[in-house]
Amino acid sequence: MMISPEDYKRLKPYYDFQRKKEYNKEQLRLACSHIMDDEPNEIFDLMWVQFEEKDYQEPPSHWVPKNPQWQIEGEGL
């Protein structure tokens, strides 16, 4: 289920952080898929636990999460 614009405005800090976290997960999954074609999830799980919040990268303003749970309604249209 997507995030309604009203919910996003009401809980903006929460959703911004969750979307930032999701962006970093997507980037790591992409990198892992280039490293290990066979089992990218295995290396992802090992690497993700090493990440610290202070090291998260900010997503570009045009980025739309692949996971609909973190998409804002109407985003990416």
Protein backbone atom coordinates (compact mmCIF):
# COMPACT_ATOMS: atom_id res chain seq x y z
CA MET A 1 0.00 0.00 0.00
CA MET A 2 1.36 3.41 -0.95
CA ILE A 3 1.75 6.37 1.37
CA SER A 4 -1.00 8.96 1.03
CA PRO A 5 0.20 12.55 0.57
CA GLU A 6 -1.62 13.49 3.79
CA ASP A 7 0.13 10.76 5.80
CA TYR A 8 3.46 11.73 4.28
CA LYS A 9 3.04 15.37 5.34
CA ARG A 10 1.92 14.34 8.83
CA LEU A 11 4.78 11.88 9.37
CA LYS A 12 7.41 13.37 7.05
CA PRO A 13 10.51 12.72 9.24
CA TYR A 14 9.52 9.08 9.69
CA TYR A 15 8.82 8.47 6.01
CA ASP A 16 11.90 10.37 4.87
CA PHE A 17 14.07 8.16 7.05
CA GLN A 18 12.37 4.94 5.93
CA ARG A 19 12.73 5.96 2.29
CA LYS A 20 16.40 6.85 2.84
CA LYS A 21 16.94 3.41 4.37
CA GLU A 22 15.14 1.77 1.43
CA TYR A 23 17.29 3.71 -1.05
CA ASN A 24 20.45 2.44 0.62
CA LYS A 25 19.12 -1.12 0.61
CA GLU A 26 18.37 -0.87 -3.12
CA GLN A 27 21.87 0.43 -3.81
CA LEU A 28 23.48 -2.35 -1.78
CA ARG A 29 21.31 -5.01 -3.47
CA LEU A 30 22.41 -3.69 -6.86
CA ALA A 31 26.08 -3.82 -5.85
CA CYS A 32 25.67 -7.34 -4.44
CA SER A 33 24.02 -8.55 -7.64
CA HIS A 34 27.13 -7.44 -9.54
CA ILE A 35 29.44 -9.21 -7.09
CA MET A 36 27.55 -12.48 -6.68
CA ASP A 37 25.24 -13.57 -9.47
CA ASP A 38 24.36 -16.81 -7.65
CA GLU A 39 23.34 -15.66 -4.18
CA PRO A 40 23.17 -11.85 -3.97
CA ASN A 41 20.83 -12.03 -0.96
CA GLU A 42 23.40 -13.94 1.04
CA ILE A 43 26.08 -11.26 0.69
CA PHE A 44 23.46 -8.50 1.06
CA ASP A 45 22.40 -9.85 4.47
CA LEU A 46 26.02 -10.02 5.61
CA MET A 47 26.79 -6.50 4.44
CA TRP A 48 23.56 -4.79 5.52
CA VAL A 49 24.15 -5.55 9.20
CA GLN A 50 27.48 -3.72 8.89
CA PHE A 51 25.85 -0.48 7.71
CA GLU A 52 25.35 2.29 10.22
CA GLU A 53 22.66 4.94 9.91
CA LYS A 54 25.28 7.69 9.90
CA ASP A 55 26.66 6.21 6.66
CA TYR A 56 23.36 6.23 4.76
CA GLN A 57 23.40 8.20 1.53
CA GLU A 58 20.61 10.63 0.67
CA PRO A 59 18.44 9.47 -2.24
CA PRO A 60 18.28 11.73 -5.31
CA SER A 61 15.15 13.89 -5.45
CA HIS A 62 13.87 12.00 -8.53
CA TRP A 63 14.26 8.54 -6.91
CA VAL A 64 11.13 6.41 -6.53
CA PRO A 65 11.33 3.33 -4.29
CA LYS A 66 10.80 -0.02 -6.01
CA ASN A 67 8.86 -1.21 -2.96
CA PRO A 68 5.33 0.29 -3.20
CA GLN A 69 5.16 0.38 0.61
CA TRP A 70 7.51 3.41 0.55
CA GLN A 71 6.08 5.13 -2.53
CA ILE A 72 3.97 8.24 -2.16
CA GLU A 73 0.69 8.13 -4.07
CA GLY A 74 1.13 9.79 -7.47
CA GLU A 75 4.92 9.57 -7.30
CA GLY A 76 6.74 8.69 -10.49
CA LEU A 77 3.79 9.40 -12.79
